[in-house]
Each structure stands twice: as structure tokens, then as C-alpha cells.
């Protein structure tokens, strides 16, 4: 994966996450927190899980001193509306500074269970985007169960928007 491809994927995942977050925040609080029996139980819980993963991988890859609040704190409406969009923008900004050689840099980390691991930046980004896509899809399903038309978050829709914006 090249630096340009990483930039595309990080901009895409930020775009898609913001679309799903906007749709979720348009719901009444009781629907945001309603147990749905899917993923991380509720829309807020699932969005908080994506936020947690975006944050822990940013800490591991970019900013080792970044504070890691408990996942419950990252699932609040305040954290999702306040911290998460800023974190997505930080990922995108970081990607702007990458060159192709940076994509092979090995990142040492410990899993949430304490197991040591390592992976190159390009695999971390692929995982990050894939993980978020999976869980956004679950949120889209929850929105549909609530009778809400979800936003389109396909990467082709994002790329189409880019083409239209640059035309």
C-alpha cells in the first residue's frame, strides 16, 4: 500500500464514519442507546468501539503518549461528537505527511490483553479501515431496524464525490 493509497483510505474512513455518526446523532437518545443485540449492543456502543479502535491504533502508530480513556468514556455522545471527529482529522493530517517508505515502518505494540505484537504501518491502516467498515455496516443495520434510512458509506460513493468535487 502506497502513501497515496493510505491517504485515500484514511480520508474515506473519516468521511464514512462522520456520515454514520451524523445519522446516529439525529436519533433520539433512547434509540442511540437501545440494546439491539448486534455488535457492541447499541448504536452508541458500536460507534464507541470504532472510536476506541481508531484511538488505540493512533496511539500505537502515531502518538504513543495519547491518553486512552476507558471504552465506556469513548462511547458517550460527548466523546463521539467531540473527540472522535478530531481524531479522524488527526489521522488524515498524519497521512498527508507520509511517503512510501513510511508505509513499511514496523510498529511495536501490545494488544489490549497485553500480548506483544508488531505490524507495518500499511497493514495497520488496512486493518483500521476494514475494522471501521465492518462496524459501520452493523450501525447501518441497526439504523434500518429502527426504520431510519442510513447514509451511503460505500467507498465508491466517496470516490464519486471526490471526482465530482474536483471536476
N, C-alpha and C. Protein backbone atom coordinates (compact mmCIF):
# COMPACT_ATOMS: atom_id res chain seq x y z
N UNK A 1 0.85 -1.17 0.00
CA UNK A 1 0.00 0.00 0.00
C UNK A 1 0.90 1.23 0.00
N UNK A 2 0.66 2.13 -0.93
CA UNK A 2 1.46 3.35 -1.04
C UNK A 2 0.95 4.41 -0.06
N UNK A 3 1.75 5.45 0.11
CA UNK A 3 1.32 6.56 0.96
C UNK A 3 0.05 7.20 0.40
N UNK A 4 -0.05 7.31 -0.91
CA UNK A 4 -1.26 7.89 -1.53
C UNK A 4 -2.48 7.02 -1.24
N UNK A 5 -2.31 5.71 -1.30
CA UNK A 5 -3.43 4.81 -1.00
C UNK A 5 -3.83 4.90 0.47
N UNK A 6 -2.86 5.04 1.35
CA UNK A 6 -3.17 5.21 2.77
C UNK A 6 -3.97 6.50 2.97
N UNK A 7 -3.54 7.58 2.31
CA UNK A 7 -4.29 8.84 2.42
C UNK A 7 -5.72 8.66 1.95
N UNK A 8 -5.90 8.02 0.81
CA UNK A 8 -7.25 7.79 0.29
C UNK A 8 -8.09 7.01 1.29
N UNK A 9 -7.54 5.93 1.81
CA UNK A 9 -8.30 5.09 2.73
C UNK A 9 -8.61 5.79 4.05
N UNK A 10 -7.68 6.56 4.57
CA UNK A 10 -7.95 7.27 5.82
C UNK A 10 -8.96 8.39 5.61
N UNK A 11 -8.88 9.08 4.49
CA UNK A 11 -9.90 10.10 4.20
C UNK A 11 -11.26 9.45 4.01
N UNK A 12 -11.28 8.30 3.33
CA UNK A 12 -12.54 7.59 3.15
C UNK A 12 -13.15 7.17 4.49
N UNK A 13 -12.35 6.55 5.36
CA UNK A 13 -12.92 6.05 6.61
C UNK A 13 -13.41 7.21 7.48
N UNK A 14 -12.71 8.34 7.44
CA UNK A 14 -13.17 9.52 8.17
C UNK A 14 -14.50 10.02 7.62
N UNK A 15 -14.59 10.09 6.31
CA UNK A 15 -15.83 10.53 5.64
C UNK A 15 -16.99 9.62 6.02
N UNK A 16 -16.78 8.31 5.92
CA UNK A 16 -17.85 7.35 6.20
C UNK A 16 -18.24 7.35 7.67
N UNK A 17 -17.26 7.43 8.56
CA UNK A 17 -17.57 7.46 9.99
C UNK A 17 -18.35 8.71 10.36
N UNK A 18 -17.98 9.85 9.77
CA UNK A 18 -18.72 11.08 10.06
C UNK A 18 -20.16 10.98 9.55
N UNK A 19 -20.39 10.35 8.40
CA UNK A 19 -21.75 10.18 7.88
C UNK A 19 -22.60 9.33 8.82
N UNK A 20 -22.04 8.21 9.29
CA UNK A 20 -22.79 7.33 10.19
C UNK A 20 -23.00 8.03 11.53
N UNK A 21 -22.00 8.73 12.01
CA UNK A 21 -22.15 9.47 13.27
C UNK A 21 -23.26 10.51 13.15
N UNK A 22 -23.28 11.25 12.07
CA UNK A 22 -24.34 12.26 11.87
C UNK A 22 -25.72 11.60 11.89
N UNK A 23 -25.86 10.46 11.22
CA UNK A 23 -27.15 9.76 11.20
C UNK A 23 -27.53 9.30 12.60
N UNK A 24 -26.56 8.80 13.35
CA UNK A 24 -26.84 8.33 14.72
C UNK A 24 -27.22 9.49 15.64
N UNK A 25 -26.57 10.63 15.47
CA UNK A 25 -26.84 11.77 16.35
C UNK A 25 -28.19 12.41 16.04
N UNK A 26 -28.76 12.11 14.89
CA UNK A 26 -30.10 12.62 14.56
C UNK A 26 -31.20 11.82 15.27
N UNK A 27 -30.83 10.68 15.85
CA UNK A 27 -31.80 9.84 16.56
C UNK A 27 -32.06 10.39 17.96
N UNK A 28 -33.22 10.08 18.54
CA UNK A 28 -33.44 10.41 19.94
C UNK A 28 -32.49 9.57 20.82
N UNK A 29 -32.11 10.10 21.98
CA UNK A 29 -31.16 9.40 22.86
C UNK A 29 -31.54 7.96 23.17
N UNK A 30 -32.84 7.69 23.34
CA UNK A 30 -33.23 6.31 23.69
C UNK A 30 -32.97 5.35 22.54
N UNK A 31 -33.03 5.82 21.29
CA UNK A 31 -32.71 4.95 20.15
C UNK A 31 -31.20 4.79 19.99
N UNK A 32 -30.45 5.83 20.30
CA UNK A 32 -28.99 5.74 20.23
C UNK A 32 -28.46 4.66 21.17
N UNK A 33 -29.07 4.55 22.33
CA UNK A 33 -28.61 3.63 23.37
C UNK A 33 -29.40 2.32 23.43
N UNK A 34 -30.38 2.15 22.56
CA UNK A 34 -31.25 0.98 22.60
C UNK A 34 -30.45 -0.31 22.37
N UNK A 35 -30.59 -1.29 23.26
CA UNK A 35 -29.95 -2.59 23.02
C UNK A 35 -30.53 -3.24 21.76
N UNK A 36 -29.64 -3.56 20.82
CA UNK A 36 -30.07 -4.10 19.53
C UNK A 36 -29.63 -5.56 19.34
N UNK A 37 -28.83 -6.08 20.25
CA UNK A 37 -28.37 -7.46 20.13
C UNK A 37 -27.39 -7.68 18.99
N UNK A 38 -26.74 -6.62 18.54
CA UNK A 38 -25.79 -6.69 17.43
C UNK A 38 -24.50 -6.00 17.85
N UNK A 39 -23.39 -6.53 17.43
CA UNK A 39 -22.08 -5.91 17.63
C UNK A 39 -21.84 -5.55 19.09
N UNK A 40 -21.73 -4.28 19.37
CA UNK A 40 -21.47 -3.82 20.74
C UNK A 40 -22.76 -3.29 21.37
N UNK A 41 -23.82 -4.00 21.12
CA UNK A 41 -25.15 -3.90 21.74
C UNK A 41 -26.01 -2.76 21.23
N UNK A 42 -25.45 -1.57 21.13
CA UNK A 42 -26.26 -0.41 20.72
C UNK A 42 -25.50 0.38 19.66
N UNK A 43 -26.18 1.37 19.10
CA UNK A 43 -25.50 2.25 18.15
C UNK A 43 -24.37 2.99 18.84
N UNK A 44 -24.62 3.55 20.02
CA UNK A 44 -23.56 4.25 20.73
C UNK A 44 -22.42 3.31 21.10
N UNK A 45 -22.75 2.12 21.55
CA UNK A 45 -21.71 1.16 21.93
C UNK A 45 -20.84 0.77 20.75
N UNK A 46 -21.46 0.59 19.59
CA UNK A 46 -20.72 0.20 18.40
C UNK A 46 -19.88 1.36 17.87
N UNK A 47 -20.45 2.56 17.85
CA UNK A 47 -19.66 3.72 17.44
C UNK A 47 -18.50 3.95 18.41
N UNK A 48 -18.76 3.75 19.71
CA UNK A 48 -17.70 3.88 20.71
C UNK A 48 -16.59 2.87 20.48
N UNK A 49 -16.95 1.67 20.05
CA UNK A 49 -15.96 0.65 19.75
C UNK A 49 -15.08 1.06 18.57
N UNK A 50 -15.69 1.63 17.53
CA UNK A 50 -14.91 2.12 16.38
C UNK A 50 -13.99 3.23 16.85
N UNK A 51 -14.53 4.15 17.64
CA UNK A 51 -13.75 5.26 18.17
C UNK A 51 -12.56 4.73 18.98
N UNK A 52 -12.81 3.75 19.84
CA UNK A 52 -11.75 3.15 20.65
C UNK A 52 -10.65 2.59 19.75
N UNK A 53 -11.03 1.82 18.73
CA UNK A 53 -10.04 1.23 17.83
C UNK A 53 -9.27 2.31 17.07
N UNK A 54 -9.97 3.32 16.57
CA UNK A 54 -9.29 4.42 15.88
C UNK A 54 -8.27 5.08 16.81
N UNK A 55 -8.66 5.23 18.07
CA UNK A 55 -7.79 5.90 19.04
C UNK A 55 -6.60 5.03 19.44
N UNK A 56 -6.83 3.75 19.74
CA UNK A 56 -5.72 2.92 20.20
C UNK A 56 -4.70 2.70 19.08
N UNK A 57 -5.18 2.57 17.85
CA UNK A 57 -4.23 2.41 16.75
C UNK A 57 -3.49 3.71 16.45
N UNK A 58 -4.14 4.85 16.66
CA UNK A 58 -3.45 6.13 16.51
C UNK A 58 -2.36 6.24 17.57
N UNK A 59 -2.68 5.87 18.78
CA UNK A 59 -1.70 5.88 19.87
C UNK A 59 -0.52 4.98 19.53
N UNK A 60 -0.80 3.79 19.05
CA UNK A 60 0.26 2.83 18.74
C UNK A 60 1.11 3.28 17.55
N UNK A 61 0.48 3.90 16.57
CA UNK A 61 1.14 4.20 15.31
C UNK A 61 1.75 5.60 15.25
N UNK A 62 1.07 6.57 15.87
CA UNK A 62 1.45 7.97 15.68
C UNK A 62 1.87 8.66 16.97
N UNK A 63 1.09 8.52 18.02
CA UNK A 63 1.26 9.34 19.23
C UNK A 63 1.24 8.47 20.49
N UNK A 64 2.38 7.87 20.84
CA UNK A 64 2.42 6.93 21.97
C UNK A 64 1.94 7.51 23.31
N UNK A 65 2.03 8.81 23.48
CA UNK A 65 1.62 9.41 24.76
C UNK A 65 0.14 9.78 24.81
N UNK A 66 -0.61 9.47 23.77
CA UNK A 66 -2.03 9.80 23.73
C UNK A 66 -2.77 9.09 24.87
N UNK A 67 -3.60 9.83 25.56
CA UNK A 67 -4.41 9.25 26.65
C UNK A 67 -5.42 8.26 26.08
N UNK A 68 -5.62 7.16 26.81
CA UNK A 68 -6.60 6.15 26.40
C UNK A 68 -7.67 6.02 27.48
N UNK A 69 -8.75 6.78 27.37
CA UNK A 69 -9.84 6.61 28.33
C UNK A 69 -10.49 5.24 28.17
N UNK A 70 -11.22 4.78 29.17
CA UNK A 70 -11.94 3.51 29.00
C UNK A 70 -12.95 3.61 27.86
N UNK A 71 -13.25 2.47 27.28
CA UNK A 71 -14.15 2.45 26.12
C UNK A 71 -15.51 3.07 26.44
N UNK A 72 -15.99 2.90 27.68
CA UNK A 72 -17.28 3.49 28.04
C UNK A 72 -17.24 5.01 27.87
N UNK A 73 -16.10 5.62 28.19
CA UNK A 73 -15.96 7.06 28.02
C UNK A 73 -15.92 7.48 26.57
N UNK A 74 -15.48 6.59 25.70
CA UNK A 74 -15.40 6.90 24.28
C UNK A 74 -16.72 6.66 23.56
N UNK A 75 -17.69 6.05 24.26
CA UNK A 75 -18.99 5.75 23.67
C UNK A 75 -20.05 6.80 24.00
N UNK A 76 -19.68 7.82 24.76
CA UNK A 76 -20.66 8.85 25.11
C UNK A 76 -20.92 9.76 23.92
N UNK A 77 -22.08 10.37 23.91
CA UNK A 77 -22.42 11.31 22.84
C UNK A 77 -21.39 12.43 22.79
N UNK A 78 -20.95 12.88 23.96
CA UNK A 78 -19.96 13.97 24.02
C UNK A 78 -18.65 13.56 23.37
N UNK A 79 -18.15 12.36 23.68
CA UNK A 79 -16.88 11.89 23.11
C UNK A 79 -17.02 11.63 21.61
N UNK A 80 -18.14 11.05 21.23
CA UNK A 80 -18.34 10.75 19.81
C UNK A 80 -18.44 12.02 18.98
N UNK A 81 -19.11 13.04 19.50
CA UNK A 81 -19.25 14.31 18.77
C UNK A 81 -18.04 15.21 18.93
N UNK A 82 -17.33 15.09 20.05
CA UNK A 82 -16.21 15.99 20.32
C UNK A 82 -14.87 15.42 19.93
N UNK A 83 -14.48 14.34 20.57
CA UNK A 83 -13.13 13.79 20.38
C UNK A 83 -12.98 13.04 19.07
N UNK A 84 -13.95 12.21 18.72
CA UNK A 84 -13.77 11.32 17.57
C UNK A 84 -13.56 12.06 16.24
N UNK A 85 -14.37 13.07 15.89
CA UNK A 85 -14.11 13.78 14.63
C UNK A 85 -12.72 14.42 14.60
N UNK A 86 -12.28 14.92 15.74
CA UNK A 86 -10.93 15.48 15.81
C UNK A 86 -9.86 14.42 15.60
N UNK A 87 -10.08 13.25 16.16
CA UNK A 87 -9.14 12.14 15.97
C UNK A 87 -9.10 11.71 14.51
N UNK A 88 -10.25 11.62 13.87
CA UNK A 88 -10.29 11.27 12.45
C UNK A 88 -9.50 12.28 11.62
N UNK A 89 -9.66 13.56 11.96
CA UNK A 89 -8.92 14.61 11.26
C UNK A 89 -7.41 14.48 11.52
N UNK A 90 -7.02 14.07 12.72
CA UNK A 90 -5.60 13.88 13.02
C UNK A 90 -5.02 12.73 12.20
N UNK A 91 -5.79 11.64 12.05
CA UNK A 91 -5.34 10.54 11.19
C UNK A 91 -5.10 11.08 9.77
N UNK A 92 -6.06 11.84 9.26
CA UNK A 92 -5.96 12.36 7.90
C UNK A 92 -4.77 13.29 7.75
N UNK A 93 -4.56 14.14 8.73
CA UNK A 93 -3.42 15.07 8.71
C UNK A 93 -2.10 14.30 8.75
N UNK A 94 -2.02 13.30 9.61
CA UNK A 94 -0.82 12.47 9.69
C UNK A 94 -0.53 11.83 8.34
N UNK A 95 -1.55 11.33 7.68
CA UNK A 95 -1.37 10.65 6.40
C UNK A 95 -0.80 11.59 5.34
N UNK A 96 -1.13 12.86 5.45
CA UNK A 96 -0.63 13.83 4.46
C UNK A 96 0.89 13.93 4.49
N UNK A 97 1.50 13.60 5.62
CA UNK A 97 2.96 13.73 5.74
C UNK A 97 3.71 12.45 5.35
N UNK A 98 2.99 11.37 5.04
CA UNK A 98 3.63 10.09 4.74
C UNK A 98 4.29 10.08 3.36
N UNK A 99 5.38 9.31 3.28
CA UNK A 99 5.93 8.96 1.98
C UNK A 99 5.89 7.44 1.89
N UNK A 100 6.17 6.90 0.73
CA UNK A 100 6.03 5.46 0.53
C UNK A 100 6.91 4.64 1.48
N UNK A 101 8.09 5.13 1.79
CA UNK A 101 8.98 4.39 2.71
C UNK A 101 8.36 4.28 4.10
N UNK A 102 7.59 5.29 4.51
CA UNK A 102 6.96 5.27 5.84
C UNK A 102 5.96 4.13 5.99
N UNK A 103 5.40 3.66 4.91
CA UNK A 103 4.33 2.68 4.99
C UNK A 103 4.82 1.30 5.44
N UNK A 104 6.13 1.07 5.32
CA UNK A 104 6.71 -0.21 5.75
C UNK A 104 7.25 -0.17 7.17
N UNK A 105 7.20 0.99 7.82
CA UNK A 105 7.73 1.10 9.20
C UNK A 105 7.01 0.11 10.10
N UNK A 106 7.79 -0.64 10.86
CA UNK A 106 7.22 -1.60 11.81
C UNK A 106 6.80 -0.87 13.08
N UNK A 107 5.62 -1.17 13.54
CA UNK A 107 5.07 -0.60 14.77
C UNK A 107 5.02 -1.71 15.81
N UNK A 108 5.65 -1.48 16.94
CA UNK A 108 5.60 -2.40 18.07
C UNK A 108 4.43 -1.99 18.95
N UNK A 109 3.67 -2.95 19.45
CA UNK A 109 2.53 -2.62 20.30
C UNK A 109 2.20 -3.80 21.20
N UNK A 110 1.32 -3.54 22.15
CA UNK A 110 0.74 -4.60 22.97
C UNK A 110 -0.76 -4.60 22.73
N UNK A 111 -1.33 -5.78 22.59
CA UNK A 111 -2.78 -5.89 22.41
C UNK A 111 -3.46 -5.45 23.71
N UNK A 112 -4.76 -5.32 23.65
CA UNK A 112 -5.49 -4.92 24.86
C UNK A 112 -5.38 -5.98 25.95
N UNK A 113 -5.03 -7.21 25.58
CA UNK A 113 -4.82 -8.26 26.59
C UNK A 113 -3.36 -8.37 27.00
N UNK A 114 -2.50 -7.47 26.49
CA UNK A 114 -1.11 -7.43 26.91
C UNK A 114 -0.14 -8.23 26.07
N UNK A 115 -0.59 -8.82 24.98
CA UNK A 115 0.29 -9.62 24.13
C UNK A 115 1.06 -8.69 23.20
N UNK A 116 2.40 -8.87 23.16
CA UNK A 116 3.25 -8.05 22.29
C UNK A 116 3.01 -8.42 20.83
N UNK A 117 3.05 -7.42 19.98
CA UNK A 117 2.88 -7.64 18.55
C UNK A 117 3.61 -6.58 17.76
N UNK A 118 3.63 -6.77 16.48
CA UNK A 118 4.20 -5.77 15.58
C UNK A 118 3.56 -5.93 14.21
N UNK A 119 3.48 -4.83 13.50
CA UNK A 119 2.91 -4.84 12.15
C UNK A 119 3.41 -3.60 11.43
N UNK A 120 3.54 -3.68 10.11
CA UNK A 120 3.90 -2.48 9.35
C UNK A 120 2.71 -1.52 9.27
N UNK A 121 3.04 -0.26 9.11
CA UNK A 121 2.01 0.79 9.03
C UNK A 121 0.95 0.45 8.00
N UNK A 122 1.35 -0.05 6.84
CA UNK A 122 0.35 -0.31 5.79
C UNK A 122 -0.66 -1.36 6.22
N UNK A 123 -0.24 -2.37 6.98
CA UNK A 123 -1.20 -3.38 7.46
C UNK A 123 -2.09 -2.82 8.56
N UNK A 124 -1.53 -1.96 9.39
CA UNK A 124 -2.33 -1.33 10.45
C UNK A 124 -3.45 -0.49 9.83
N UNK A 125 -3.11 0.28 8.82
CA UNK A 125 -4.13 1.13 8.17
C UNK A 125 -5.18 0.27 7.48
N UNK A 126 -4.76 -0.78 6.81
CA UNK A 126 -5.71 -1.69 6.18
C UNK A 126 -6.67 -2.27 7.23
N UNK A 127 -6.11 -2.70 8.36
CA UNK A 127 -6.94 -3.23 9.45
C UNK A 127 -7.88 -2.16 9.99
N UNK A 128 -7.35 -0.97 10.24
CA UNK A 128 -8.14 0.12 10.81
C UNK A 128 -9.36 0.43 9.95
N UNK A 129 -9.14 0.55 8.66
CA UNK A 129 -10.24 0.90 7.74
C UNK A 129 -11.22 -0.27 7.62
N UNK A 130 -10.71 -1.48 7.50
CA UNK A 130 -11.58 -2.65 7.40
C UNK A 130 -12.41 -2.82 8.67
N UNK A 131 -11.79 -2.65 9.82
CA UNK A 131 -12.49 -2.78 11.11
C UNK A 131 -13.64 -1.76 11.19
N UNK A 132 -13.33 -0.52 10.86
CA UNK A 132 -14.36 0.53 10.93
C UNK A 132 -15.49 0.24 9.94
N UNK A 133 -15.14 -0.26 8.74
CA UNK A 133 -16.15 -0.56 7.74
C UNK A 133 -17.10 -1.65 8.24
N UNK A 134 -16.55 -2.68 8.84
CA UNK A 134 -17.38 -3.75 9.40
C UNK A 134 -18.39 -3.19 10.41
N UNK A 135 -17.90 -2.41 11.35
CA UNK A 135 -18.78 -1.93 12.42
C UNK A 135 -19.72 -0.82 11.95
N UNK A 136 -19.30 0.00 10.99
CA UNK A 136 -20.25 0.97 10.42
C UNK A 136 -21.40 0.23 9.75
N UNK A 137 -21.08 -0.88 9.08
CA UNK A 137 -22.14 -1.68 8.46
C UNK A 137 -23.12 -2.19 9.50
N UNK A 138 -22.63 -2.56 10.67
CA UNK A 138 -23.52 -3.01 11.73
C UNK A 138 -24.41 -1.86 12.21
N UNK A 139 -23.84 -0.66 12.32
CA UNK A 139 -24.64 0.50 12.71
C UNK A 139 -25.69 0.79 11.64
N UNK A 140 -25.32 0.66 10.37
CA UNK A 140 -26.29 0.85 9.28
C UNK A 140 -27.44 -0.14 9.44
N UNK A 141 -27.14 -1.38 9.78
CA UNK A 141 -28.19 -2.37 10.01
C UNK A 141 -29.08 -1.99 11.18
N UNK A 142 -28.49 -1.47 12.24
CA UNK A 142 -29.29 -1.03 13.40
C UNK A 142 -30.19 0.14 13.02
N UNK A 143 -29.65 1.07 12.22
CA UNK A 143 -30.48 2.20 11.77
C UNK A 143 -31.68 1.68 10.98
N UNK A 144 -31.44 0.72 10.11
CA UNK A 144 -32.54 0.14 9.32
C UNK A 144 -33.57 -0.53 10.23
N UNK A 145 -33.10 -1.24 11.27
CA UNK A 145 -34.03 -1.87 12.21
C UNK A 145 -34.90 -0.83 12.91
N UNK A 146 -34.36 0.37 13.07
CA UNK A 146 -35.12 1.45 13.71
C UNK A 146 -36.00 2.20 12.70
N UNK A 147 -35.98 1.77 11.45
CA UNK A 147 -36.81 2.41 10.43
C UNK A 147 -36.19 3.66 9.84
N UNK A 148 -34.88 3.84 10.01
CA UNK A 148 -34.18 5.03 9.52
C UNK A 148 -33.41 4.67 8.25
N UNK A 149 -33.53 5.51 7.24
CA UNK A 149 -32.75 5.31 6.01
C UNK A 149 -31.30 5.72 6.32
N UNK A 150 -30.37 4.77 6.24
CA UNK A 150 -28.98 5.09 6.58
C UNK A 150 -28.27 5.83 5.44
N UNK A 151 -27.19 6.50 5.78
CA UNK A 151 -26.40 7.14 4.72
C UNK A 151 -25.65 6.09 3.90
N UNK A 152 -25.30 6.44 2.70
CA UNK A 152 -24.45 5.60 1.87
C UNK A 152 -23.01 5.82 2.29
N UNK A 153 -22.33 4.73 2.60
CA UNK A 153 -20.94 4.85 3.07
C UNK A 153 -19.97 4.01 2.24
N UNK A 154 -20.40 3.54 1.09
CA UNK A 154 -19.51 2.75 0.23
C UNK A 154 -18.34 3.58 -0.25
N UNK A 155 -17.20 2.95 -0.39
CA UNK A 155 -16.02 3.67 -0.86
C UNK A 155 -16.24 4.23 -2.27
N UNK A 156 -17.03 3.54 -3.08
CA UNK A 156 -17.29 4.06 -4.43
C UNK A 156 -18.07 5.37 -4.37
N UNK A 157 -18.97 5.50 -3.40
CA UNK A 157 -19.71 6.77 -3.24
C UNK A 157 -18.74 7.88 -2.84
N UNK A 158 -17.80 7.56 -1.96
CA UNK A 158 -16.78 8.53 -1.54
C UNK A 158 -15.93 8.95 -2.75
N UNK A 159 -15.47 7.97 -3.53
CA UNK A 159 -14.63 8.29 -4.70
C UNK A 159 -15.41 9.08 -5.73
N UNK A 160 -16.70 8.77 -5.90
CA UNK A 160 -17.55 9.52 -6.82
C UNK A 160 -17.66 10.98 -6.36
N UNK A 161 -17.86 11.17 -5.06
CA UNK A 161 -17.92 12.53 -4.52
C UNK A 161 -16.63 13.30 -4.79
N UNK A 162 -15.50 12.62 -4.64
CA UNK A 162 -14.21 13.26 -4.91
C UNK A 162 -14.11 13.70 -6.37
N UNK A 163 -14.53 12.81 -7.28
CA UNK A 163 -14.47 13.13 -8.71
C UNK A 163 -15.36 14.33 -9.02
N UNK A 164 -16.55 14.36 -8.46
CA UNK A 164 -17.47 15.47 -8.71
C UNK A 164 -16.89 16.76 -8.14
N UNK A 165 -16.32 16.70 -6.95
CA UNK A 165 -15.76 17.89 -6.31
C UNK A 165 -14.57 18.45 -7.08
N UNK A 166 -13.82 17.56 -7.74
CA UNK A 166 -12.62 18.04 -8.44
C UNK A 166 -12.91 18.38 -9.91
N UNK A 167 -14.14 18.13 -10.35
CA UNK A 167 -14.48 18.42 -11.76
C UNK A 167 -14.77 19.88 -11.99
